[in-house]
Structure formats: structure tokens, C-alpha cells
Amino acid sequence: MIVGRYAPSPTGSLHLGNLRTALAAWASTRSRDGRFLLRIEDLDGDRCRPELIDRQLADLRNLGVDWDAEPIIQSQRTDVYTAEFEKLKRFRLVYPCFCSRRDIAEAASAPHGPGPGVYPGTCANLPATEVAERIAAGRQHCWRIRVEAAPTTFFDALIGPREIDLKREGGDFVVRRADGWFAYQFACAVDDALSGVTEVVRGADLLDSGARQAWVLDRLGLPVPRYLHLPLMLGENGARLSKRVGSEDMDGLTARGFSPDSVRSYLAWTLGLCGTGERITMSEVASRWDWKRVPQGDFHHQDAILETFR
């Protein structure tokens, strides 16, 4: 059985681009009578706002997106992540890193450093005695996963093969943060595998995350889902939509007189499923779904076209 999912983070209300991705993920699953799951990715305590969860769920329901089980709440799954993390530790696939952000920036920008944004591996091979002494002394540390053996080609079922060399593009990445919370790349990968997700549909801005998550799953010996990274929906000015900078959400659209049906139909139009101004039901979204109909390249929101669905 196909098992798909949508996994919003409660850092803001869902904008048109988020809703478009949710609709595509749902349609890709339902078009093949698959099971669809919802996951709330709320591990970033500094940015996540619990009160937004109900609002996001309501927006998805209004759009017509449904799911087949109670939503998975990441902040409630620490025990699950800990068990998988201990496997990585047991096989020495991760190591504690004591570097500050400043340490990393200075080492990466040194004359023979790996370059901006790349972790230089400073703590990768510290003697065990030194590691133990630092931990005993209470030194703050995160945990990083080794990527030196990671493949350099990542295959996306929509975009095709892409060269993503994890060693050169960031280096050993964090799987458990210094505050004890698990990092997005680790928790997301574990949840997909353990909840039986077979297909991940999300925005193309997360393509590099796909390579990292596939590597985590490979190290854990867990199944890797089929990834499809949907081209982004941009604003009319070409800028990326963002939950943090006031991009229009369902409430804003409703205030302008657009019903959930009109929003759904407009989003279906952006995915090549209907004509301009044509109203479309969720059952029709599923029955018409075909990845070959989805336009290539990033899509620019067009308010004039949205008006035709009013």
C-alpha cells in the first residue's frame, strides 16, 4: 500500500505554497487508494507555537485534506528517537561535537578550510579519553553523523538524479542538538520509516534534506521512501513564500471573499488538474491526479487567475 504524509511545522499559518504541497501529497496518495498520514513537526521550541496546530489542522480540513490516523506529534516521541539514536552510537556512526558556531565559522573560513557553511570535522576523531573528560566536565555538545561514505547522487522521482555530496555540502550534520532535542533531519527520517511512509511529497527547497534523511535511514538499516520534491510556489514578485513574513494564508484569503472551494480549485489549477476558473472537488483532484500534468519549474502565484475562481 502507498503511504503518504504531510508534515507541517507550527511556526506560522499555512500559506498558499504550503497548502499546494499538502494538496499534491494528498492527491498523489489518494489517487492510488493509499493511506495518508499527518505529522506535526514541533521540535523547534524557539519558533514553534502550539496554538497554531489547531489552526493548521482546520485549514487543511477546510481545503479538503483528510488523514487516516491521529496526527503524530514529534515533541511526544523522544523515547522513539532515543532508541534509534542509541543504535547510531553503538556502531560509532555519530560522535559528540563540542564546537561553537564561532569555532566552526573560523575553521571553515581558514585558508585551507572546507569553505563557508561546511563543518570541518574538528571533533570527528577526538581520542575517547578526551571526549570522556570533556563530557565529564560538563562541556556542551551536540551529536553529528559521519557522512564520508555517503553516496554523491541522490535520486528524486520527480526531479531525477542530483549530485549532492554531503561531505562537501555541509559535512557531518547534527542529529541531536546541544539542548538535547533531536534535529529535524534525524526525527523526520525516523518518523517516515517507523510510520511506514513509502512516499514523501514536499517542496523542492528540501531536496538536500532528502539526501541527508536517506543517509540517516541507510545507517539505521531502515527503508528509504520514494521522494518527490515539488517545484516551489513563489509570490508574484518571484520571492519565496514564507510563514514568517506574512505570505497570504487561508484566513487572509477568506477575508478577501475566497471560499475553501475556490482556493482548492486555484491550487488544483496550479498543478495542472483543471481549467482556469473551473471548480473542482477533492474526489476529482484525486481522480485527475497525474505527476505528468504538474508544471515543470517554480510556479508564480497569479492573483488575477485566483480571481477567476471566486
C-alpha atoms as a PDB file:
ATOM      1  CA  MET A   1       0.000   0.000   0.000  1.00  0.00           C
ATOM      2  CA  ILE A   2       1.111   3.538  -0.764  1.00  0.00           C
ATOM      3  CA  VAL A   3       1.528   5.540   2.439  1.00  0.00           C
ATOM      4  CA  GLY A   4       1.933   9.296   2.051  1.00  0.00           C
ATOM      5  CA  ARG A   5       2.139  12.109   4.552  1.00  0.00           C
ATOM      6  CA  TYR A   6       2.140  15.838   5.124  1.00  0.00           C
ATOM      7  CA  ALA A   7       4.255  17.259   7.934  1.00  0.00           C
ATOM      8  CA  PRO A   8       3.751  20.941   8.760  1.00  0.00           C
ATOM      9  CA  SER A   9       5.683  22.786  11.442  1.00  0.00           C
ATOM     10  CA  PRO A  10       3.614  25.108  13.677  1.00  0.00           C
ATOM     11  CA  THR A  11       5.828  28.145  13.161  1.00  0.00           C
ATOM     12  CA  GLY A  12       3.168  30.150  11.337  1.00  0.00           C
ATOM     13  CA  SER A  13      -0.079  29.754   9.426  1.00  0.00           C
ATOM     14  CA  LEU A  14      -0.062  27.738   6.213  1.00  0.00           C
ATOM     15  CA  HIS A  15       0.423  29.923   3.135  1.00  0.00           C
ATOM     16  CA  LEU A  16      -0.648  29.075  -0.402  1.00  0.00           C
ATOM     17  CA  GLY A  17       2.585  27.215  -1.129  1.00  0.00           C
ATOM     18  CA  ASN A  18       2.167  25.023   1.960  1.00  0.00           C
ATOM     19  CA  LEU A  19      -1.445  24.277   1.058  1.00  0.00           C
ATOM     20  CA  ARG A  20      -0.452  23.445  -2.522  1.00  0.00           C
ATOM     21  CA  THR A  21       2.126  20.915  -1.287  1.00  0.00           C
ATOM     22  CA  ALA A  22      -0.404  19.374   1.096  1.00  0.00           C
ATOM     23  CA  LEU A  23      -2.911  19.022  -1.750  1.00  0.00           C
ATOM     24  CA  ALA A  24      -0.304  17.400  -4.018  1.00  0.00           C
ATOM     25  CA  ALA A  25       0.853  14.967  -1.334  1.00  0.00           C
ATOM     26  CA  TRP A  26      -2.749  14.010  -0.539  1.00  0.00           C
ATOM     27  CA  ALA A  27      -3.714  13.622  -4.208  1.00  0.00           C
ATOM     28  CA  SER A  28      -0.671  11.523  -5.065  1.00  0.00           C
ATOM     29  CA  THR A  29      -1.607   9.117  -2.254  1.00  0.00           C
ATOM     30  CA  ARG A  30      -5.389   9.064  -2.680  1.00  0.00           C
ATOM     31  CA  SER A  31      -5.164   8.627  -6.456  1.00  0.00           C
ATOM     32  CA  ARG A  32      -3.835   5.128  -5.729  1.00  0.00           C
ATOM     33  CA  ASP A  33      -6.131   4.405  -2.775  1.00  0.00           C
ATOM     34  CA  GLY A  34      -3.245   4.879  -0.373  1.00  0.00           C
ATOM     35  CA  ARG A  35      -3.100   5.713   3.313  1.00  0.00           C
ATOM     36  CA  PHE A  36      -2.409   9.336   4.220  1.00  0.00           C
ATOM     37  CA  LEU A  37      -0.802  10.475   7.476  1.00  0.00           C
ATOM     38  CA  LEU A  38      -0.273  13.810   9.181  1.00  0.00           C
ATOM     39  CA  ARG A  39       2.696  14.695  11.368  1.00  0.00           C
ATOM     40  CA  ILE A  40       3.281  17.845  13.421  1.00  0.00           C
ATOM     41  CA  GLU A  41       6.985  18.745  13.398  1.00  0.00           C
ATOM     42  CA  ASP A  42       7.246  20.795  16.580  1.00  0.00           C
ATOM     43  CA  LEU A  43      10.791  20.107  17.784  1.00  0.00           C
ATOM     44  CA  ASP A  44      11.994  23.680  17.299  1.00  0.00           C
ATOM     45  CA  GLY A  45      10.821  25.054  20.627  1.00  0.00           C
ATOM     46  CA  ASP A  46      12.072  28.576  19.946  1.00  0.00           C
ATOM     47  CA  ARG A  47       9.906  29.004  16.847  1.00  0.00           C
ATOM     48  CA  CYS A  48       7.002  26.597  17.227  1.00  0.00           C
ATOM     49  CA  ARG A  49       3.712  27.923  18.597  1.00  0.00           C
ATOM     50  CA  PRO A  50       1.415  25.160  19.899  1.00  0.00           C
ATOM     51  CA  GLU A  51      -1.679  27.298  19.397  1.00  0.00           C
ATOM     52  CA  LEU A  52      -1.061  27.167  15.639  1.00  0.00           C
ATOM     53  CA  ILE A  53      -1.528  23.394  15.436  1.00  0.00           C
ATOM     54  CA  ASP A  54      -5.331  23.541  15.609  1.00  0.00           C
ATOM     55  CA  ARG A  55      -5.347  26.386  13.106  1.00  0.00           C
ATOM     56  CA  GLN A  56      -3.225  24.422  10.625  1.00  0.00           C
ATOM     57  CA  LEU A  57      -5.396  21.321  11.025  1.00  0.00           C
ATOM     58  CA  ALA A  58      -8.520  23.403  10.455  1.00  0.00           C
ATOM     59  CA  ASP A  59      -7.048  24.941   7.294  1.00  0.00           C
ATOM     60  CA  LEU A  60      -6.211  21.501   5.908  1.00  0.00           C
ATOM     61  CA  ARG A  61      -9.705  20.198   6.678  1.00  0.00           C
ATOM     62  CA  ASN A  62     -11.283  23.256   5.047  1.00  0.00           C
ATOM     63  CA  LEU A  63      -9.188  22.629   1.959  1.00  0.00           C
ATOM     64  CA  GLY A  64     -10.486  19.037   1.921  1.00  0.00           C
ATOM     65  CA  VAL A  65      -7.345  17.209   3.031  1.00  0.00           C
ATOM     66  CA  ASP A  66      -8.090  14.305   5.376  1.00  0.00           C
ATOM     67  CA  TRP A  67      -5.869  11.732   7.075  1.00  0.00           C
ATOM     68  CA  ASP A  68      -6.220   8.186   8.344  1.00  0.00           C
ATOM     69  CA  ALA A  69      -4.834   8.258  11.885  1.00  0.00           C
ATOM     70  CA  GLU A  70      -4.286  10.636  14.757  1.00  0.00           C
ATOM     71  CA  PRO A  71      -1.537  13.131  13.858  1.00  0.00           C
ATOM     72  CA  ILE A  72       1.957  12.190  15.000  1.00  0.00           C
ATOM     73  CA  ILE A  73       3.344  14.843  17.368  1.00  0.00           C
ATOM     74  CA  GLN A  74       7.128  14.851  17.269  1.00  0.00           C
ATOM     75  CA  SER A  75       7.600  16.502  20.664  1.00  0.00           C
ATOM     76  CA  GLN A  76       5.900  13.451  22.201  1.00  0.00           C
ATOM     77  CA  ARG A  77       8.253  10.920  20.597  1.00  0.00           C
ATOM     78  CA  THR A  78      11.555  11.495  22.372  1.00  0.00           C
ATOM     79  CA  ASP A  79      11.720   7.849  23.512  1.00  0.00           C
ATOM     80  CA  VAL A  80      11.343   6.642  19.927  1.00  0.00           C
ATOM     81  CA  TYR A  81      14.136   8.896  18.665  1.00  0.00           C
ATOM     82  CA  THR A  82      16.388   7.999  21.591  1.00  0.00           C
ATOM     83  CA  ALA A  83      16.121   4.292  20.814  1.00  0.00           C
ATOM     84  CA  GLU A  84      17.160   4.833  17.189  1.00  0.00           C
ATOM     85  CA  PHE A  85      19.885   7.291  18.167  1.00  0.00           C
ATOM     86  CA  GLU A  86      21.411   4.736  20.538  1.00  0.00           C
ATOM     87  CA  LYS A  87      21.820   2.389  17.560  1.00  0.00           C
ATOM     88  CA  LEU A  88      23.947   5.002  15.791  1.00  0.00           C
ATOM     89  CA  LYS A  89      26.040   5.480  18.930  1.00  0.00           C
ATOM     90  CA  ARG A  90      26.501   1.759  19.383  1.00  0.00           C
ATOM     91  CA  PHE A  91      28.007   1.414  15.908  1.00  0.00           C
ATOM     92  CA  ARG A  92      30.055   4.644  16.281  1.00  0.00           C
ATOM     93  CA  LEU A  93      28.274   6.286  13.377  1.00  0.00           C
ATOM     94  CA  VAL A  94      27.859   9.514  15.371  1.00  0.00           C
ATOM     95  CA  TYR A  95      30.171  11.495  17.603  1.00  0.00           C
ATOM     96  CA  PRO A  96      29.903  14.375  20.090  1.00  0.00           C
ATOM     97  CA  CYS A  97      30.874  17.797  18.749  1.00  0.00           C
ATOM     98  CA  PHE A  98      31.991  20.491  21.192  1.00  0.00           C
ATOM     99  CA  CYS A  99      32.415  23.276  18.621  1.00  0.00           C
ATOM    100  CA  SER A 100      30.606  26.569  18.931  1.00  0.00           C
ATOM    101  CA  ARG A 101      29.196  28.295  15.870  1.00  0.00           C
ATOM    102  CA  ARG A 102      32.109  30.677  16.009  1.00  0.00           C
ATOM    103  CA  ASP A 103      34.610  27.780  16.122  1.00  0.00           C
ATOM    104  CA  ILE A 104      33.014  26.247  13.036  1.00  0.00           C
ATOM    105  CA  ALA A 105      32.896  29.525  11.109  1.00  0.00           C
ATOM    106  CA  GLU A 106      36.555  30.295  11.844  1.00  0.00           C
ATOM    107  CA  ALA A 107      37.765  26.792  10.948  1.00  0.00           C
ATOM    108  CA  ALA A 108      35.681  26.627   7.775  1.00  0.00           C
ATOM    109  CA  SER A 109      36.906  30.028   6.567  1.00  0.00           C
ATOM    110  CA  ALA A 110      40.588  29.334   7.310  1.00  0.00           C
ATOM    111  CA  PRO A 111      42.972  29.302   4.282  1.00  0.00           C
ATOM    112  CA  HIS A 112      42.734  25.534   3.990  1.00  0.00           C
ATOM    113  CA  GLY A 113      39.268  25.171   5.462  1.00  0.00           C
ATOM    114  CA  PRO A 114      36.409  23.389   3.666  1.00  0.00           C
ATOM    115  CA  GLY A 115      34.538  26.615   2.915  1.00  0.00           C
ATOM    116  CA  PRO A 116      31.594  28.583   4.325  1.00  0.00           C
ATOM    117  CA  GLY A 117      28.817  26.532   5.870  1.00  0.00           C
ATOM    118  CA  VAL A 118      30.755  23.258   5.893  1.00  0.00           C
ATOM    119  CA  TYR A 119      31.592  21.567   9.178  1.00  0.00           C
ATOM    120  CA  PRO A 120      35.362  20.891   9.061  1.00  0.00           C
ATOM    121  CA  GLY A 121      35.287  17.694  11.134  1.00  0.00           C
ATOM    122  CA  THR A 122      37.119  19.206  14.098  1.00  0.00           C
ATOM    123  CA  CYS A 123      35.703  16.733  16.627  1.00  0.00           C
ATOM    124  CA  ALA A 124      35.319  13.733  14.323  1.00  0.00           C
ATOM    125  CA  ASN A 125      38.383  11.876  15.577  1.00  0.00           C
ATOM    126  CA  LEU A 126      38.978  13.107  19.112  1.00  0.00           C
ATOM    127  CA  PRO A 127      40.534  10.474  21.394  1.00  0.00           C
ATOM    128  CA  ALA A 128      37.956   8.664  23.506  1.00  0.00           C
ATOM    129  CA  THR A 129      39.676   9.770  26.704  1.00  0.00           C
ATOM    130  CA  GLU A 130      39.470  13.429  25.707  1.00  0.00           C
ATOM    131  CA  VAL A 131      35.802  13.073  24.776  1.00  0.00           C
ATOM    132  CA  ALA A 132      35.050  11.468  28.135  1.00  0.00           C
ATOM    133  CA  GLU A 133      36.904  14.214  30.004  1.00  0.00           C
ATOM    134  CA  ARG A 134      35.034  16.971  28.194  1.00  0.00           C
ATOM    135  CA  ILE A 135      31.649  15.362  28.820  1.00  0.00           C
ATOM    136  CA  ALA A 136      32.523  14.753  32.480  1.00  0.00           C
ATOM    137  CA  ALA A 137      33.466  18.418  32.774  1.00  0.00           C
ATOM    138  CA  GLY A 138      30.005  19.387  31.546  1.00  0.00           C
ATOM    139  CA  ARG A 139      31.086  20.685  28.143  1.00  0.00           C
ATOM    140  CA  GLN A 140      28.036  21.397  25.988  1.00  0.00           C
ATOM    141  CA  HIS A 141      27.932  19.275  22.862  1.00  0.00           C
ATOM    142  CA  CYS A 142      25.734  18.161  20.004  1.00  0.00           C
ATOM    143  CA  TRP A 143      25.994  14.862  18.101  1.00  0.00           C
ATOM    144  CA  ARG A 144      26.916  14.637  14.420  1.00  0.00           C
ATOM    145  CA  ILE A 145      26.580  11.777  11.959  1.00  0.00           C
ATOM    146  CA  ARG A 146      29.525  10.834   9.751  1.00  0.00           C
ATOM    147  CA  VAL A 147      28.939  11.290   6.015  1.00  0.00           C
ATOM    148  CA  GLU A 148      32.291  10.379   4.470  1.00  0.00           C
ATOM    149  CA  ALA A 149      30.820   7.219   2.904  1.00  0.00           C
ATOM    150  CA  ALA A 150      27.557   8.810   1.767  1.00  0.00           C
ATOM    151  CA  PRO A 151      26.677   8.474  -1.940  1.00  0.00           C
ATOM    152  CA  THR A 152      27.064  11.640  -4.006  1.00  0.00           C
ATOM    153  CA  THR A 153      23.998  11.052  -6.190  1.00  0.00           C
ATOM    154  CA  PHE A 154      20.520  11.443  -4.752  1.00  0.00           C
ATOM    155  CA  PHE A 155      17.577  10.247  -6.836  1.00  0.00           C
ATOM    156  CA  ASP A 156      14.292  12.121  -6.741  1.00  0.00           C
ATOM    157  CA  ALA A 157      11.395  10.502  -8.585  1.00  0.00           C
ATOM    158  CA  LEU A 158      10.233  13.863  -9.964  1.00  0.00           C
ATOM    159  CA  ILE A 159      13.476  15.778 -10.497  1.00  0.00           C
ATOM    160  CA  GLY A 160      15.666  12.779 -11.313  1.00  0.00           C
ATOM    161  CA  PRO A 161      19.259  12.173 -10.146  1.00  0.00           C
ATOM    162  CA  ARG A 162      21.015  15.097  -8.495  1.00  0.00           C
ATOM    163  CA  GLU A 163      24.628  15.412  -7.409  1.00  0.00           C
ATOM    164  CA  ILE A 164      24.516  16.126  -3.668  1.00  0.00           C
ATOM    165  CA  ASP A 165      27.860  15.476  -1.977  1.00  0.00           C
ATOM    166  CA  LEU A 166      27.094  15.613   1.736  1.00  0.00           C
ATOM    167  CA  LYS A 167      30.777  15.836   2.626  1.00  0.00           C
ATOM    168  CA  ARG A 168      31.188  18.994   0.544  1.00  0.00           C
ATOM    169  CA  GLU A 169      27.727  20.435   1.176  1.00  0.00           C
ATOM    170  CA  GLY A 170      27.708  20.858   4.933  1.00  0.00           C
ATOM    171  CA  GLY A 171      29.784  17.914   6.100  1.00  0.00           C
ATOM    172  CA  ASP A 172      28.869  15.802   9.129  1.00  0.00           C
ATOM    173  CA  PHE A 173      25.482  17.144  10.179  1.00  0.00           C
ATOM    174  CA  VAL A 174      23.773  17.387  13.547  1.00  0.00           C
ATOM    175  CA  VAL A 175      21.319  14.648  14.555  1.00  0.00           C
ATOM    176  CA  ARG A 176      20.961  15.643  18.217  1.00  0.00           C
ATOM    177  CA  ARG A 177      21.258  19.239  19.291  1.00  0.00           C
ATOM    178  CA  ALA A 178      23.205  20.573  22.244  1.00  0.00           C
ATOM    179  CA  ASP A 179      19.935  21.237  24.101  1.00  0.00           C
ATOM    180  CA  GLY A 180      19.122  17.517  23.939  1.00  0.00           C
ATOM    181  CA  TRP A 181      16.364  17.774  21.336  1.00  0.00           C
ATOM    182  CA  PHE A 182      16.687  15.736  18.173  1.00  0.00           C
ATOM    183  CA  ALA A 183      17.388  17.566  14.934  1.00  0.00           C
ATOM    184  CA  TYR A 184      14.910  17.806  12.068  1.00  0.00           C
ATOM    185  CA  GLN A 185      16.873  15.586   9.683  1.00  0.00           C
ATOM    186  CA  PHE A 186      17.001  12.728  12.184  1.00  0.00           C
ATOM    187  CA  ALA A 187      13.463  12.915  13.581  1.00  0.00           C
ATOM    188  CA  CYS A 188      11.890  13.324  10.148  1.00  0.00           C
ATOM    189  CA  ALA A 189      13.747  10.320   8.721  1.00  0.00           C
ATOM    190  CA  VAL A 190      12.936   8.095  11.701  1.00  0.00           C
ATOM    191  CA  ASP A 191       9.256   9.052  11.678  1.00  0.00           C
ATOM    192  CA  ASP A 192       8.888   8.378   7.955  1.00  0.00           C
ATOM    193  CA  ALA A 193      10.399   4.912   8.296  1.00  0.00           C
ATOM    194  CA  LEU A 194       8.698   3.827  11.510  1.00  0.00           C
ATOM    195  CA  SER A 195       5.260   5.043  10.428  1.00  0.00           C
ATOM    196  CA  GLY A 196       5.557   3.108   7.172  1.00  0.00           C
ATOM    197  CA  VAL A 197       5.693   6.102   4.830  1.00  0.00           C
ATOM    198  CA  THR A 198       6.536   4.947   1.306  1.00  0.00           C
ATOM    199  CA  GLU A 199       6.269   8.303  -0.484  1.00  0.00           C
ATOM    200  CA  VAL A 200       7.351  11.781   0.592  1.00  0.00           C
ATOM    201  CA  VAL A 201       5.987  14.735  -1.390  1.00  0.00           C
ATOM    202  CA  ARG A 202       7.295  18.152  -0.321  1.00  0.00           C
ATOM    203  CA  GLY A 203       8.799  21.369  -1.644  1.00  0.00           C
ATOM    204  CA  ALA A 204      11.945  21.418  -3.773  1.00  0.00           C
ATOM    205  CA  ASP A 205      13.649  23.605  -1.156  1.00  0.00           C
ATOM    206  CA  LEU A 206      14.012  20.410   0.908  1.00  0.00           C
ATOM    207  CA  LEU A 207      15.835  18.426  -1.784  1.00  0.00           C
ATOM    208  CA  ASP A 208      19.126  18.469   0.143  1.00  0.00           C
ATOM    209  CA  SER A 209      17.235  17.280   3.218  1.00  0.00           C
ATOM    210  CA  GLY A 210      16.168  14.240   1.227  1.00  0.00           C
ATOM    211  CA  ALA A 211      19.796  13.241   0.736  1.00  0.00           C
ATOM    212  CA  ARG A 212      20.543  13.675   4.441  1.00  0.00           C
ATOM    213  CA  GLN A 213      17.457  11.790   5.572  1.00  0.00           C
ATOM    214  CA  ALA A 214      18.128   8.948   3.153  1.00  0.00           C
ATOM    215  CA  TRP A 215      21.630   8.697   4.635  1.00  0.00           C
ATOM    216  CA  VAL A 216      20.266   8.534   8.196  1.00  0.00           C
ATOM    217  CA  LEU A 217      17.904   5.742   7.172  1.00  0.00           C
ATOM    218  CA  ASP A 218      20.702   3.880   5.406  1.00  0.00           C
ATOM    219  CA  ARG A 219      22.842   3.998   8.577  1.00  0.00           C
ATOM    220  CA  LEU A 220      19.899   2.737  10.656  1.00  0.00           C
ATOM    221  CA  GLY A 221      19.062  -0.025   8.196  1.00  0.00           C
ATOM    222  CA  LEU A 222      15.548   1.374   7.719  1.00  0.00           C
ATOM    223  CA  PRO A 223      13.598   1.636   4.437  1.00  0.00           C
ATOM    224  CA  VAL A 224      14.013   4.814   2.389  1.00  0.00           C
ATOM    225  CA  PRO A 225      10.771   6.258   0.991  1.00  0.00           C
ATOM    226  CA  ARG A 226      10.280   7.459  -2.575  1.00  0.00           C
ATOM    227  CA  TYR A 227      10.964  11.196  -2.643  1.00  0.00           C
ATOM    228  CA  LEU A 228       9.234  13.693  -4.934  1.00  0.00           C
ATOM    229  CA  HIS A 229      10.217  17.321  -4.436  1.00  0.00           C
ATOM    230  CA  LEU A 230       7.554  19.589  -5.878  1.00  0.00           C
ATOM    231  CA  PRO A 231       8.662  22.820  -7.631  1.00  0.00           C
ATOM    232  CA  LEU A 232       8.013  25.784  -5.365  1.00  0.00           C
ATOM    233  CA  MET A 233       5.174  28.257  -5.482  1.00  0.00           C
ATOM    234  CA  LEU A 234       6.592  31.791  -5.486  1.00  0.00           C
ATOM    235  CA  GLY A 235       4.988  35.170  -4.960  1.00  0.00           C
ATOM    236  CA  GLU A 236       4.050  37.295  -7.952  1.00  0.00           C
ATOM    237  CA  ASN A 237       7.316  39.188  -7.436  1.00  0.00           C
ATOM    238  CA  GLY A 238       9.312  35.963  -7.624  1.00  0.00           C
ATOM    239  CA  ALA A 239      10.129  35.879  -3.900  1.00  0.00           C
ATOM    240  CA  ARG A 240       9.670  32.690  -1.902  1.00  0.00           C
ATOM    241  CA  LEU A 241       6.526  32.462   0.190  1.00  0.00           C
ATOM    242  CA  SER A 242       7.205  32.226   3.890  1.00  0.00           C
ATOM    243  CA  LYS A 243       5.117  31.609   7.001  1.00  0.00           C
ATOM    244  CA  ARG A 244       7.288  34.129   8.822  1.00  0.00           C
ATOM    245  CA  VAL A 245       6.891  37.150   6.548  1.00  0.00           C
ATOM    246  CA  GLY A 246       3.129  37.392   6.184  1.00  0.00           C
ATOM    247  CA  SER A 247       2.529  35.435   2.966  1.00  0.00           C
ATOM    248  CA  GLU A 248      -1.222  35.107   2.467  1.00  0.00           C
ATOM    249  CA  ASP A 249      -2.896  32.287   4.380  1.00  0.00           C
ATOM    250  CA  MET A 250      -6.404  30.822   4.425  1.00  0.00           C
ATOM    251  CA  ASP A 251      -7.670  33.468   6.843  1.00  0.00           C
ATOM    252  CA  GLY A 252      -6.417  36.238   4.576  1.00  0.00           C
ATOM    253  CA  LEU A 253      -7.987  34.611   1.538  1.00  0.00           C
ATOM    254  CA  THR A 254     -11.284  34.134   3.368  1.00  0.00           C
ATOM    255  CA  ALA A 255     -11.248  37.791   4.396  1.00  0.00           C
ATOM    256  CA  ARG A 256     -10.919  38.670   0.707  1.00  0.00           C
ATOM    257  CA  GLY A 257     -14.012  36.612  -0.112  1.00  0.00           C
ATOM    258  CA  PHE A 258     -12.423  33.379  -1.356  1.00  0.00           C
ATOM    259  CA  SER A 259     -14.107  30.168  -0.191  1.00  0.00           C
ATOM    260  CA  PRO A 260     -12.129  26.988   0.581  1.00  0.00           C
ATOM    261  CA  ASP A 261     -13.574  25.526  -2.647  1.00  0.00           C
ATOM    262  CA  SER A 262     -12.187  28.413  -4.698  1.00  0.00           C
ATOM    263  CA  VAL A 263      -8.760  28.146  -3.020  1.00  0.00           C
ATOM    264  CA  ARG A 264      -8.659  24.388  -3.634  1.00  0.00           C
ATOM    265  CA  SER A 265      -9.635  24.845  -7.269  1.00  0.00           C
ATOM    266  CA  TYR A 266      -6.991  27.515  -7.818  1.00  0.00           C
ATOM    267  CA  LEU A 267      -4.321  25.287  -6.280  1.00  0.00           C
ATOM    268  CA  ALA A 268      -5.524  22.389  -8.446  1.00  0.00           C
ATOM    269  CA  TRP A 269      -5.136  24.679 -11.468  1.00  0.00           C
ATOM    270  CA  THR A 270      -1.529  25.417 -10.487  1.00  0.00           C
ATOM    271  CA  LEU A 271      -0.974  21.643 -10.502  1.00  0.00           C
ATOM    272  CA  GLY A 272      -2.417  21.209 -13.983  1.00  0.00           C
ATOM    273  CA  LEU A 273      -5.634  19.498 -12.853  1.00  0.00           C
ATOM    274  CA  CYS A 274      -8.333  21.876 -14.105  1.00  0.00           C
ATOM    275  CA  GLY A 275      -9.017  24.819 -16.355  1.00  0.00           C
ATOM    276  CA  THR A 276      -8.997  28.498 -15.426  1.00  0.00           C
ATOM    277  CA  GLY A 277     -11.996  29.288 -13.227  1.00  0.00           C
ATOM    278  CA  GLU A 278     -13.161  25.635 -13.103  1.00  0.00           C
ATOM    279  CA  ARG A 279     -14.349  24.456  -9.696  1.00  0.00           C
ATOM    280  CA  ILE A 280     -13.040  21.028  -8.721  1.00  0.00           C
ATOM    281  CA  THR A 281     -13.902  18.683  -5.851  1.00  0.00           C
ATOM    282  CA  MET A 282     -11.420  16.672  -3.812  1.00  0.00           C
ATOM    283  CA  SER A 283     -12.597  13.440  -5.418  1.00  0.00           C
ATOM    284  CA  GLU A 284     -11.881  14.998  -8.825  1.00  0.00           C
ATOM    285  CA  VAL A 285      -8.455  16.143  -7.606  1.00  0.00           C
ATOM    286  CA  ALA A 286      -7.653  12.517  -6.764  1.00  0.00           C
ATOM    287  CA  SER A 287      -9.144  11.026  -9.941  1.00  0.00           C
ATOM    288  CA  ARG A 288      -7.351  13.516 -12.224  1.00  0.00           C
ATOM    289  CA  TRP A 289      -4.020  13.357 -10.441  1.00  0.00           C
ATOM    290  CA  ASP A 290      -1.016  12.622 -12.658  1.00  0.00           C
ATOM    291  CA  TRP A 291       2.545  13.772 -11.962  1.00  0.00           C
ATOM    292  CA  LYS A 292       2.975  14.319 -15.708  1.00  0.00           C
ATOM    293  CA  ARG A 293       0.413  17.138 -15.523  1.00  0.00           C
ATOM    294  CA  VAL A 294       2.328  19.085 -12.857  1.00  0.00           C
ATOM    295  CA  PRO A 295       4.090  22.083 -14.454  1.00  0.00           C
ATOM    296  CA  GLN A 296       7.877  21.967 -14.539  1.00  0.00           C
ATOM    297  CA  GLY A 297       9.792  24.623 -12.639  1.00  0.00           C
ATOM    298  CA  ASP A 298       8.757  27.018  -9.888  1.00  0.00           C
ATOM    299  CA  PHE A 299       5.271  28.458 -10.167  1.00  0.00           C
ATOM    300  CA  HIS A 300       4.460  32.148  -9.685  1.00  0.00           C
ATOM    301  CA  HIS A 301       1.224  32.909  -7.853  1.00  0.00           C
ATOM    302  CA  GLN A 302      -1.167  34.869 -10.062  1.00  0.00           C
ATOM    303  CA  ASP A 303      -3.809  36.832  -8.197  1.00  0.00           C
ATOM    304  CA  ALA A 304      -5.637  37.637 -11.438  1.00  0.00           C
ATOM    305  CA  ILE A 305      -6.110  33.912 -12.056  1.00  0.00           C
ATOM    306  CA  LEU A 306      -7.144  33.339  -8.444  1.00  0.00           C
ATOM    307  CA  GLU A 307      -9.921  35.887  -9.014  1.00  0.00           C
ATOM    308  CA  THR A 308     -11.445  33.670 -11.708  1.00  0.00           C
ATOM    309  CA  PHE A 309     -12.135  31.009  -9.071  1.00  0.00           C
ATOM    310  CA  ARG A 310     -14.028  33.359  -6.746  1.00  0.00           C
END
